[in-house]
Amino acid sequence: MTGMGARAVLAAALCAAAGWSSGALAADTGAVRYMAAVCANCHGTNGQSVGGNEALAGYDKAKFVQTMGEFKSGKRPATLMHQISKGFTDQQIAQLAEFFSGQAAK
């Protein structure tokens, strides 16, 4: 296989290895940490921001879900978050909320 066919197979294999099944993310901690890595570029590893953007560590679960929903719907203006939030299902957002709320805030 070459081109996009090989990439699609590789992507499916990587998703399966990360715990995704039929597009749904497994609730295990490793898979959620993998998903949370998307946030690290702007919000720091495990939500421990080093400045510039809001820390997600210790963030209230309900507020996280609400904020992500507002980004997803376009209700809250953003540069990138409206695009990033649309890449997550409601279940994945809830898993991220659980993960970040459990991280120690600095």
PDB file of N, CA and C in Angstrom:
ATOM      1  N   MET A   1       0.824  -1.180   0.000  1.00  0.00           N
ATOM      2  CA  MET A   1       0.000   0.000   0.000  1.00  0.00           C
ATOM      3  C   MET A   1       0.871   1.247   0.000  1.00  0.00           C
ATOM      4  N   THR A   2       0.404   2.245  -0.697  1.00  0.00           N
ATOM      5  CA  THR A   2       1.118   3.518  -0.709  1.00  0.00           C
ATOM      6  C   THR A   2       0.120   4.634  -0.512  1.00  0.00           C
ATOM      7  N   GLY A   3       0.642   5.821  -0.258  1.00  0.00           N
ATOM      8  CA  GLY A   3      -0.208   7.011  -0.169  1.00  0.00           C
ATOM      9  C   GLY A   3      -1.174   6.960   0.988  1.00  0.00           C
ATOM     10  N   MET A   4      -2.381   7.440   0.759  1.00  0.00           N
ATOM     11  CA  MET A   4      -3.378   7.562   1.808  1.00  0.00           C
ATOM     12  C   MET A   4      -3.839   6.215   2.337  1.00  0.00           C
ATOM     13  N   GLY A   5      -3.838   5.179   1.516  1.00  0.00           N
ATOM     14  CA  GLY A   5      -4.262   3.859   1.985  1.00  0.00           C
ATOM     15  C   GLY A   5      -3.390   3.368   3.116  1.00  0.00           C
ATOM     16  N   ALA A   6      -2.096   3.474   2.957  1.00  0.00           N
ATOM     17  CA  ALA A   6      -1.156   3.054   4.000  1.00  0.00           C
ATOM     18  C   ALA A   6      -1.300   3.934   5.226  1.00  0.00           C
ATOM     19  N   ARG A   7      -1.502   5.218   5.027  1.00  0.00           N
ATOM     20  CA  ARG A   7      -1.683   6.131   6.159  1.00  0.00           C
ATOM     21  C   ARG A   7      -2.939   5.795   6.942  1.00  0.00           C
ATOM     22  N   ALA A   8      -4.004   5.458   6.240  1.00  0.00           N
ATOM     23  CA  ALA A   8      -5.255   5.124   6.915  1.00  0.00           C
ATOM     24  C   ALA A   8      -5.099   3.860   7.756  1.00  0.00           C
ATOM     25  N   VAL A   9      -4.396   2.873   7.216  1.00  0.00           N
ATOM     26  CA  VAL A   9      -4.160   1.637   7.955  1.00  0.00           C
ATOM     27  C   VAL A   9      -3.297   1.922   9.183  1.00  0.00           C
ATOM     28  N   LEU A  10      -2.248   2.722   8.997  1.00  0.00           N
ATOM     29  CA  LEU A  10      -1.377   3.078  10.112  1.00  0.00           C
ATOM     30  C   LEU A  10      -2.154   3.849  11.179  1.00  0.00           C
ATOM     31  N   ALA A  11      -2.972   4.799  10.770  1.00  0.00           N
ATOM     32  CA  ALA A  11      -3.763   5.578  11.723  1.00  0.00           C
ATOM     33  C   ALA A  11      -4.712   4.679  12.504  1.00  0.00           C
ATOM     34  N   ALA A  12      -5.353   3.742  11.829  1.00  0.00           N
ATOM     35  CA  ALA A  12      -6.262   2.816  12.506  1.00  0.00           C
ATOM     36  C   ALA A  12      -5.510   1.951  13.508  1.00  0.00           C
ATOM     37  N   ALA A  13      -4.322   1.506  13.136  1.00  0.00           N
ATOM     38  CA  ALA A  13      -3.517   0.685  14.043  1.00  0.00           C
ATOM     39  C   ALA A  13      -3.084   1.485  15.267  1.00  0.00           C
ATOM     40  N   LEU A  14      -2.680   2.733  15.046  1.00  0.00           N
ATOM     41  CA  LEU A  14      -2.272   3.571  16.165  1.00  0.00           C
ATOM     42  C   LEU A  14      -3.440   3.877  17.092  1.00  0.00           C
ATOM     43  N   CYS A  15      -4.595   4.129  16.517  1.00  0.00           N
ATOM     44  CA  CYS A  15      -5.774   4.396  17.340  1.00  0.00           C
ATOM     45  C   CYS A  15      -6.158   3.165  18.161  1.00  0.00           C
ATOM     46  N   ALA A  16      -6.076   1.998  17.552  1.00  0.00           N
ATOM     47  CA  ALA A  16      -6.385   0.765  18.274  1.00  0.00           C
ATOM     48  C   ALA A  16      -5.391   0.552  19.407  1.00  0.00           C
ATOM     49  N   ALA A  17      -4.127   0.824  19.145  1.00  0.00           N
ATOM     50  CA  ALA A  17      -3.107   0.670  20.179  1.00  0.00           C
ATOM     51  C   ALA A  17      -3.298   1.663  21.315  1.00  0.00           C
ATOM     52  N   ALA A  18      -3.838   2.824  21.004  1.00  0.00           N
ATOM     53  CA  ALA A  18      -4.064   3.855  22.023  1.00  0.00           C
ATOM     54  C   ALA A  18      -5.352   3.610  22.809  1.00  0.00           C
ATOM     55  N   GLY A  19      -6.137   2.614  22.410  1.00  0.00           N
ATOM     56  CA  GLY A  19      -7.347   2.290  23.144  1.00  0.00           C
ATOM     57  C   GLY A  19      -8.625   2.811  22.520  1.00  0.00           C
ATOM     58  N   TRP A  20      -8.580   3.262  21.294  1.00  0.00           N
ATOM     59  CA  TRP A  20      -9.770   3.750  20.621  1.00  0.00           C
ATOM     60  C   TRP A  20     -10.442   2.579  19.940  1.00  0.00           C
ATOM     61  N   SER A  21     -11.747   2.579  19.948  1.00  0.00           N
ATOM     62  CA  SER A  21     -12.510   1.540  19.295  1.00  0.00           C
ATOM     63  C   SER A  21     -13.683   2.193  18.595  1.00  0.00           C
ATOM     64  N   SER A  22     -13.768   2.018  17.309  1.00  0.00           N
ATOM     65  CA  SER A  22     -14.846   2.596  16.506  1.00  0.00           C
ATOM     66  C   SER A  22     -15.014   4.084  16.776  1.00  0.00           C
ATOM     67  N   GLY A  23     -13.893   4.793  16.971  1.00  0.00           N
ATOM     68  CA  GLY A  23     -13.938   6.225  17.190  1.00  0.00           C
ATOM     69  C   GLY A  23     -14.177   6.630  18.634  1.00  0.00           C
ATOM     70  N   ALA A  24     -14.463   5.693  19.508  1.00  0.00           N
ATOM     71  CA  ALA A  24     -14.695   6.017  20.918  1.00  0.00           C
ATOM     72  C   ALA A  24     -13.424   5.744  21.704  1.00  0.00           C
ATOM     73  N   LEU A  25     -13.113   6.635  22.604  1.00  0.00           N
ATOM     74  CA  LEU A  25     -11.904   6.498  23.399  1.00  0.00           C
ATOM     75  C   LEU A  25     -12.196   5.678  24.640  1.00  0.00           C
ATOM     76  N   ALA A  26     -11.371   4.683  24.898  1.00  0.00           N
ATOM     77  CA  ALA A  26     -11.506   3.904  26.114  1.00  0.00           C
ATOM     78  C   ALA A  26     -11.217   4.801  27.309  1.00  0.00           C
ATOM     79  N   ALA A  27     -11.816   4.510  28.433  1.00  0.00           N
ATOM     80  CA  ALA A  27     -11.711   5.367  29.605  1.00  0.00           C
ATOM     81  C   ALA A  27     -10.444   5.122  30.416  1.00  0.00           C
ATOM     82  N   ASP A  28      -9.546   4.242  29.982  1.00  0.00           N
ATOM     83  CA  ASP A  28      -8.356   3.979  30.776  1.00  0.00           C
ATOM     84  C   ASP A  28      -7.458   5.211  30.821  1.00  0.00           C
ATOM     85  N   THR A  29      -6.718   5.315  31.909  1.00  0.00           N
ATOM     86  CA  THR A  29      -5.897   6.493  32.165  1.00  0.00           C
ATOM     87  C   THR A  29      -4.878   6.753  31.071  1.00  0.00           C
ATOM     88  N   GLY A  30      -4.246   5.710  30.560  1.00  0.00           N
ATOM     89  CA  GLY A  30      -3.245   5.891  29.502  1.00  0.00           C
ATOM     90  C   GLY A  30      -3.834   6.549  28.274  1.00  0.00           C
ATOM     91  N   ALA A  31      -5.007   6.123  27.875  1.00  0.00           N
ATOM     92  CA  ALA A  31      -5.653   6.698  26.693  1.00  0.00           C
ATOM     93  C   ALA A  31      -6.063   8.146  26.940  1.00  0.00           C
ATOM     94  N   VAL A  32      -6.531   8.444  28.137  1.00  0.00           N
ATOM     95  CA  VAL A  32      -6.935   9.816  28.448  1.00  0.00           C
ATOM     96  C   VAL A  32      -5.702  10.719  28.496  1.00  0.00           C
ATOM     97  N   ARG A  33      -4.597  10.231  29.047  1.00  0.00           N
ATOM     98  CA  ARG A  33      -3.348  11.007  29.057  1.00  0.00           C
ATOM     99  C   ARG A  33      -2.886  11.283  27.622  1.00  0.00           C
ATOM    100  N   TYR A  34      -3.030  10.307  26.766  1.00  0.00           N
ATOM    101  CA  TYR A  34      -2.664  10.463  25.361  1.00  0.00           C
ATOM    102  C   TYR A  34      -3.511  11.559  24.720  1.00  0.00           C
ATOM    103  N   MET A  35      -4.793  11.554  25.033  1.00  0.00           N
ATOM    104  CA  MET A  35      -5.708  12.551  24.490  1.00  0.00           C
ATOM    105  C   MET A  35      -5.389  13.931  25.077  1.00  0.00           C
ATOM    106  N   ALA A  36      -5.060  13.994  26.368  1.00  0.00           N
ATOM    107  CA  ALA A  36      -4.752  15.262  27.031  1.00  0.00           C
ATOM    108  C   ALA A  36      -3.473  15.886  26.499  1.00  0.00           C
ATOM    109  N   ALA A  37      -2.637  15.089  25.864  1.00  0.00           N
ATOM    110  CA  ALA A  37      -1.393  15.618  25.300  1.00  0.00           C
ATOM    111  C   ALA A  37      -1.677  16.679  24.239  1.00  0.00           C
ATOM    112  N   VAL A  38      -2.842  16.620  23.617  1.00  0.00           N
ATOM    113  CA  VAL A  38      -3.241  17.629  22.634  1.00  0.00           C
ATOM    114  C   VAL A  38      -3.258  19.014  23.289  1.00  0.00           C
ATOM    115  N   CYS A  39      -3.618  19.054  24.559  1.00  0.00           N
ATOM    116  CA  CYS A  39      -3.756  20.315  25.292  1.00  0.00           C
ATOM    117  C   CYS A  39      -2.413  20.869  25.776  1.00  0.00           C
ATOM    118  N   ALA A  40      -1.408  19.995  25.839  1.00  0.00           N
ATOM    119  CA  ALA A  40      -0.128  20.364  26.454  1.00  0.00           C
ATOM    120  C   ALA A  40       0.597  21.485  25.726  1.00  0.00           C
ATOM    121  N   ASN A  41       0.454  21.580  24.430  1.00  0.00           N
ATOM    122  CA  ASN A  41       1.164  22.630  23.692  1.00  0.00           C
ATOM    123  C   ASN A  41       0.846  24.026  24.210  1.00  0.00           C
ATOM    124  N   CYS A  42      -0.385  24.246  24.599  1.00  0.00           N
ATOM    125  CA  CYS A  42      -0.789  25.575  25.061  1.00  0.00           C
ATOM    126  C   CYS A  42      -1.004  25.656  26.572  1.00  0.00           C
ATOM    127  N   HIS A  43      -1.441  24.550  27.180  1.00  0.00           N
ATOM    128  CA  HIS A  43      -1.815  24.569  28.586  1.00  0.00           C
ATOM    129  C   HIS A  43      -0.837  23.827  29.483  1.00  0.00           C
ATOM    130  N   GLY A  44       0.261  23.337  28.936  1.00  0.00           N
ATOM    131  CA  GLY A  44       1.286  22.656  29.720  1.00  0.00           C
ATOM    132  C   GLY A  44       1.006  21.180  29.943  1.00  0.00           C
ATOM    133  N   THR A  45       2.062  20.438  30.220  1.00  0.00           N
ATOM    134  CA  THR A  45       1.935  19.010  30.497  1.00  0.00           C
ATOM    135  C   THR A  45       1.019  18.804  31.697  1.00  0.00           C
ATOM    136  N   ASN A  46       0.046  17.910  31.543  1.00  0.00           N
ATOM    137  CA  ASN A  46      -0.950  17.612  32.579  1.00  0.00           C
ATOM    138  C   ASN A  46      -1.703  18.863  33.038  1.00  0.00           C
ATOM    139  N   GLY A  47      -1.776  19.859  32.165  1.00  0.00           N
ATOM    140  CA  GLY A  47      -2.524  21.081  32.473  1.00  0.00           C
ATOM    141  C   GLY A  47      -1.772  22.058  33.352  1.00  0.00           C
ATOM    142  N   GLN A  48      -0.487  21.806  33.582  1.00  0.00           N
ATOM    143  CA  GLN A  48       0.349  22.676  34.422  1.00  0.00           C
ATOM    144  C   GLN A  48       0.924  23.790  33.555  1.00  0.00           C
ATOM    145  N   SER A  49       0.166  24.827  33.342  1.00  0.00           N
ATOM    146  CA  SER A  49       0.581  25.932  32.487  1.00  0.00           C
ATOM    147  C   SER A  49       1.793  26.653  33.072  1.00  0.00           C
ATOM    148  N   VAL A  50       2.692  27.052  32.186  1.00  0.00           N
ATOM    149  CA  VAL A  50       3.858  27.820  32.610  1.00  0.00           C
ATOM    150  C   VAL A  50       3.674  29.292  32.244  1.00  0.00           C
ATOM    151  N   GLY A  51       2.465  29.671  31.983  1.00  0.00           N
ATOM    152  CA  GLY A  51       2.163  31.061  31.666  1.00  0.00           C
ATOM    153  C   GLY A  51       1.613  31.201  30.263  1.00  0.00           C
ATOM    154  N   GLY A  52       0.941  32.292  30.052  1.00  0.00           N
ATOM    155  CA  GLY A  52       0.394  32.574  28.730  1.00  0.00           C
ATOM    156  C   GLY A  52      -1.026  32.082  28.557  1.00  0.00           C
ATOM    157  N   ASN A  53      -1.286  30.839  28.921  1.00  0.00           N
ATOM    158  CA  ASN A  53      -2.625  30.272  28.807  1.00  0.00           C
ATOM    159  C   ASN A  53      -3.071  29.736  30.159  1.00  0.00           C
ATOM    160  N   GLU A  54      -4.373  29.645  30.308  1.00  0.00           N
ATOM    161  CA  GLU A  54      -4.950  29.186  31.570  1.00  0.00           C
ATOM    162  C   GLU A  54      -4.511  27.760  31.898  1.00  0.00           C
ATOM    163  N   ALA A  55      -4.192  27.519  33.160  1.00  0.00           N
ATOM    164  CA  ALA A  55      -3.868  26.170  33.626  1.00  0.00           C
ATOM    165  C   ALA A  55      -5.146  25.341  33.652  1.00  0.00           C
ATOM    166  N   LEU A  56      -5.036  24.089  33.265  1.00  0.00           N
ATOM    167  CA  LEU A  56      -6.177  23.179  33.316  1.00  0.00           C
ATOM    168  C   LEU A  56      -6.111  22.263  34.532  1.00  0.00           C
ATOM    169  N   ALA A  57      -4.940  22.150  35.141  1.00  0.00           N
ATOM    170  CA  ALA A  57      -4.771  21.317  36.331  1.00  0.00           C
ATOM    171  C   ALA A  57      -5.657  21.851  37.454  1.00  0.00           C
ATOM    172  N   GLY A  58      -6.452  20.961  38.042  1.00  0.00           N
ATOM    173  CA  GLY A  58      -7.355  21.344  39.115  1.00  0.00           C
ATOM    174  C   GLY A  58      -8.611  22.060  38.654  1.00  0.00           C
ATOM    175  N   TYR A  59      -8.817  22.143  37.349  1.00  0.00           N
ATOM    176  CA  TYR A  59      -9.966  22.848  36.770  1.00  0.00           C
ATOM    177  C   TYR A  59     -11.261  22.131  37.149  1.00  0.00           C
ATOM    178  N   ASP A  60     -12.276  22.877  37.484  1.00  0.00           N
ATOM    179  CA  ASP A  60     -13.580  22.320  37.828  1.00  0.00           C
ATOM    180  C   ASP A  60     -14.157  21.537  36.647  1.00  0.00           C
ATOM    181  N   LYS A  61     -14.619  20.303  36.916  1.00  0.00           N
ATOM    182  CA  LYS A  61     -15.128  19.427  35.843  1.00  0.00           C
ATOM    183  C   LYS A  61     -16.293  20.054  35.080  1.00  0.00           C
ATOM    184  N   ALA A  62     -17.278  20.545  35.817  1.00  0.00           N
ATOM    185  CA  ALA A  62     -18.467  21.110  35.163  1.00  0.00           C
ATOM    186  C   ALA A  62     -18.104  22.340  34.334  1.00  0.00           C
ATOM    187  N   LYS A  63     -17.214  23.165  34.859  1.00  0.00           N
ATOM    188  CA  LYS A  63     -16.798  24.362  34.119  1.00  0.00           C
ATOM    189  C   LYS A  63     -16.021  23.970  32.858  1.00  0.00           C
ATOM    190  N   PHE A  64     -15.189  22.927  32.961  1.00  0.00           N
ATOM    191  CA  PHE A  64     -14.433  22.455  31.797  1.00  0.00           C
ATOM    192  C   PHE A  64     -15.388  22.000  30.696  1.00  0.00           C
ATOM    193  N   VAL A  65     -16.360  21.173  31.062  1.00  0.00           N
ATOM    194  CA  VAL A  65     -17.335  20.666  30.087  1.00  0.00           C
ATOM    195  C   VAL A  65     -18.112  21.815  29.463  1.00  0.00           C
ATOM    196  N   GLN A  66     -18.554  22.765  30.294  1.00  0.00           N
ATOM    197  CA  GLN A  66     -19.304  23.916  29.787  1.00  0.00           C
ATOM    198  C   GLN A  66     -18.455  24.750  28.824  1.00  0.00           C
ATOM    199  N   THR A  67     -17.218  25.031  29.226  1.00  0.00           N
ATOM    200  CA  THR A  67     -16.336  25.857  28.398  1.00  0.00           C
ATOM    201  C   THR A  67     -16.043  25.189  27.066  1.00  0.00           C
ATOM    202  N   MET A  68     -15.753  23.896  27.109  1.00  0.00           N
ATOM    203  CA  MET A  68     -15.487  23.169  25.858  1.00  0.00           C
ATOM    204  C   MET A  68     -16.722  23.162  24.968  1.00  0.00           C
ATOM    205  N   GLY A  69     -17.896  23.024  25.570  1.00  0.00           N
ATOM    206  CA  GLY A  69     -19.147  23.075  24.803  1.00  0.00           C
ATOM    207  C   GLY A  69     -19.347  24.429  24.144  1.00  0.00           C
ATOM    208  N   GLU A  70     -18.969  25.485  24.858  1.00  0.00           N
ATOM    209  CA  GLU A  70     -19.090  26.828  24.296  1.00  0.00           C
ATOM    210  C   GLU A  70     -18.108  27.039  23.143  1.00  0.00           C
ATOM    211  N   PHE A  71     -16.904  26.506  23.275  1.00  0.00           N
ATOM    212  CA  PHE A  71     -15.959  26.574  22.156  1.00  0.00           C
ATOM    213  C   PHE A  71     -16.500  25.787  20.969  1.00  0.00           C
ATOM    214  N   LYS A  72     -17.000  24.590  21.247  1.00  0.00           N
ATOM    215  CA  LYS A  72     -17.491  23.686  20.196  1.00  0.00           C
ATOM    216  C   LYS A  72     -18.658  24.296  19.420  1.00  0.00           C
ATOM    217  N   SER A  73     -19.554  24.981  20.135  1.00  0.00           N
ATOM    218  CA  SER A  73     -20.731  25.573  19.495  1.00  0.00           C
ATOM    219  C   SER A  73     -20.440  26.914  18.834  1.00  0.00           C
ATOM    220  N   GLY A  74     -19.298  27.507  19.175  1.00  0.00           N
ATOM    221  CA  GLY A  74     -18.969  28.822  18.639  1.00  0.00           C
ATOM    222  C   GLY A  74     -19.455  29.962  19.521  1.00  0.00           C
ATOM    223  N   LYS A  75     -20.117  29.621  20.632  1.00  0.00           N
ATOM    224  CA  LYS A  75     -20.625  30.645  21.553  1.00  0.00           C
ATOM    225  C   LYS A  75     -19.487  31.442  22.176  1.00  0.00           C
ATOM    226  N   ARG A  76     -18.368  30.773  22.465  1.00  0.00           N
ATOM    227  CA  ARG A  76     -17.202  31.447  23.052  1.00  0.00           C
ATOM    228  C   ARG A  76     -16.165  31.662  21.954  1.00  0.00           C
ATOM    229  N   PRO A  77     -15.742  32.899  21.748  1.00  0.00           N
ATOM    230  CA  PRO A  77     -14.753  33.161  20.702  1.00  0.00           C
ATOM    231  C   PRO A  77     -13.387  32.563  21.055  1.00  0.00           C
ATOM    232  N   ALA A  78     -12.672  32.160  20.025  1.00  0.00           N
ATOM    233  CA  ALA A  78     -11.355  31.549  20.226  1.00  0.00           C
ATOM    234  C   ALA A  78     -10.542  31.619  18.951  1.00  0.00           C
ATOM    235  N   THR A  79      -9.253  31.487  19.110  1.00  0.00           N
ATOM    236  CA  THR A  79      -8.373  31.430  17.952  1.00  0.00           C
ATOM    237  C   THR A  79      -8.306  30.002  17.427  1.00  0.00           C
ATOM    238  N   LEU A  80      -8.033  29.048  18.317  1.00  0.00           N
ATOM    239  CA  LEU A  80      -7.891  27.643  17.932  1.00  0.00           C
ATOM    240  C   LEU A  80      -8.871  26.717  18.631  1.00  0.00           C
ATOM    241  N   MET A  81      -9.315  27.077  19.825  1.00  0.00           N
ATOM    242  CA  MET A  81     -10.098  26.151  20.628  1.00  0.00           C
ATOM    243  C   MET A  81     -11.402  25.708  19.970  1.00  0.00           C
ATOM    244  N   HIS A  82     -11.995  26.553  19.160  1.00  0.00           N
ATOM    245  CA  HIS A  82     -13.228  26.120  18.500  1.00  0.00           C
ATOM    246  C   HIS A  82     -12.946  24.950  17.560  1.00  0.00           C
ATOM    247  N   GLN A  83     -11.778  24.937  16.939  1.00  0.00           N
ATOM    248  CA  GLN A  83     -11.410  23.827  16.055  1.00  0.00           C
ATOM    249  C   GLN A  83     -11.020  22.594  16.859  1.00  0.00           C
ATOM    250  N   ILE A  84     -10.220  22.783  17.900  1.00  0.00           N
ATOM    251  CA  ILE A  84      -9.758  21.670  18.716  1.00  0.00           C
ATOM    252  C   ILE A  84     -10.929  20.992  19.416  1.00  0.00           C
ATOM    253  N   SER A  85     -11.829  21.766  19.983  1.00  0.00           N
ATOM    254  CA  SER A  85     -12.959  21.200  20.725  1.00  0.00           C
ATOM    255  C   SER A  85     -13.856  20.346  19.838  1.00  0.00           C
ATOM    256  N   LYS A  86     -13.972  20.688  18.578  1.00  0.00           N
ATOM    257  CA  LYS A  86     -14.808  19.911  17.662  1.00  0.00           C
ATOM    258  C   LYS A  86     -14.214  18.541  17.361  1.00  0.00           C
ATOM    259  N   GLY A  87     -12.953  18.349  17.701  1.00  0.00           N
ATOM    260  CA  GLY A  87     -12.304  17.054  17.494  1.00  0.00           C
ATOM    261  C   GLY A  87     -12.593  16.049  18.591  1.00  0.00           C
ATOM    262  N   PHE A  88     -13.300  16.467  19.639  1.00  0.00           N
ATOM    263  CA  PHE A  88     -13.605  15.590  20.764  1.00  0.00           C
ATOM    264  C   PHE A  88     -15.098  15.330  20.859  1.00  0.00           C
ATOM    265  N   THR A  89     -15.461  14.108  21.220  1.00  0.00           N
ATOM    266  CA  THR A  89     -16.864  13.786  21.504  1.00  0.00           C
ATOM    267  C   THR A  89     -17.199  14.311  22.894  1.00  0.00           C
ATOM    268  N   ASP A  90     -18.476  14.334  23.227  1.00  0.00           N
ATOM    269  CA  ASP A  90     -18.896  14.749  24.565  1.00  0.00           C
ATOM    270  C   ASP A  90     -18.300  13.821  25.620  1.00  0.00           C
ATOM    271  N   GLN A  91     -18.223  12.533  25.328  1.00  0.00           N
ATOM    272  CA  GLN A  91     -17.640  11.568  26.258  1.00  0.00           C
ATOM    273  C   GLN A  91     -16.156  11.867  26.477  1.00  0.00           C
ATOM    274  N   GLN A  92     -15.456  12.172  25.426  1.00  0.00           N
ATOM    275  CA  GLN A  92     -14.036  12.487  25.546  1.00  0.00           C
ATOM    276  C   GLN A  92     -13.822  13.775  26.329  1.00  0.00           C
ATOM    277  N   ILE A  93     -14.676  14.753  26.129  1.00  0.00           N
ATOM    278  CA  ILE A  93     -14.581  16.005  26.886  1.00  0.00           C
ATOM    279  C   ILE A  93     -14.801  15.729  28.372  1.00  0.00           C
ATOM    280  N   ALA A  94     -15.768  14.868  28.690  1.00  0.00           N
ATOM    281  CA  ALA A  94     -16.011  14.501  30.086  1.00  0.00           C
ATOM    282  C   ALA A  94     -14.799  13.780  30.674  1.00  0.00           C
ATOM    283  N   GLN A  95     -14.157  12.930  29.885  1.00  0.00           N
ATOM    284  CA  GLN A  95     -12.958  12.229  30.351  1.00  0.00           C
ATOM    285  C   GLN A  95     -11.812  13.208  30.578  1.00  0.00           C
ATOM    286  N   LEU A  96     -11.663  14.165  29.702  1.00  0.00           N
ATOM    287  CA  LEU A  96     -10.637  15.191  29.893  1.00  0.00           C
ATOM    288  C   LEU A  96     -10.929  16.032  31.139  1.00  0.00           C
ATOM    289  N   ALA A  97     -12.193  16.369  31.351  1.00  0.00           N
ATOM    290  CA  ALA A  97     -12.585  17.127  32.541  1.00  0.00           C
ATOM    291  C   ALA A  97     -12.207  16.365  33.802  1.00  0.00           C
ATOM    292  N   GLU A  98     -12.465  15.085  33.816  1.00  0.00           N
ATOM    293  CA  GLU A  98     -12.124  14.229  34.964  1.00  0.00           C
ATOM    294  C   GLU A  98     -10.604  14.208  35.156  1.00  0.00           C
ATOM    295  N   PHE A  99      -9.876  14.034  34.075  1.00  0.00           N
ATOM    296  CA  PHE A  99      -8.418  13.969  34.141  1.00  0.00           C
ATOM    297  C   PHE A  99      -7.823  15.267  34.692  1.00  0.00           C
ATOM    298  N   PHE A 100      -8.181  16.389  34.091  1.00  0.00           N
ATOM    299  CA  PHE A 100      -7.589  17.658  34.508  1.00  0.00           C
ATOM    300  C   PHE A 100      -8.014  18.057  35.919  1.00  0.00           C
ATOM    301  N   SER A 101      -9.235  17.759  36.308  1.00  0.00           N
ATOM    302  CA  SER A 101      -9.674  18.111  37.664  1.00  0.00           C
ATOM    303  C   SER A 101      -8.869  17.345  38.712  1.00  0.00           C
ATOM    304  N   GLY A 102      -8.356  16.183  38.340  1.00  0.00           N
ATOM    305  CA  GLY A 102      -7.568  15.377  39.263  1.00  0.00           C
ATOM    306  C   GLY A 102      -6.101  15.725  39.329  1.00  0.00           C
ATOM    307  N   GLN A 103      -5.666  16.655  38.494  1.00  0.00           N
ATOM    308  CA  GLN A 103      -4.259  17.074  38.514  1.00  0.00           C
ATOM    309  C   GLN A 103      -4.068  18.175  39.555  1.00  0.00           C
ATOM    310  N   ALA A 104      -2.964  18.124  40.243  1.00  0.00           N
ATOM    311  CA  ALA A 104      -2.690  19.129  41.282  1.00  0.00           C
ATOM    312  C   ALA A 104      -2.444  20.499  40.646  1.00  0.00           C
ATOM    313  N   ALA A 105      -3.184  21.480  41.114  1.00  0.00           N
ATOM    314  CA  ALA A 105      -2.994  22.860  40.639  1.00  0.00           C
ATOM    315  C   ALA A 105      -1.764  23.448  41.313  1.00  0.00           C
ATOM    316  N   LYS A 106      -1.042  24.265  40.574  1.00  0.00           N
ATOM    317  CA  LYS A 106       0.154  24.923  41.147  1.00  0.00           C
ATOM    318  C   LYS A 106      -0.191  26.302  41.623  1.00  0.00           C
TER     319      LYS A 106
END
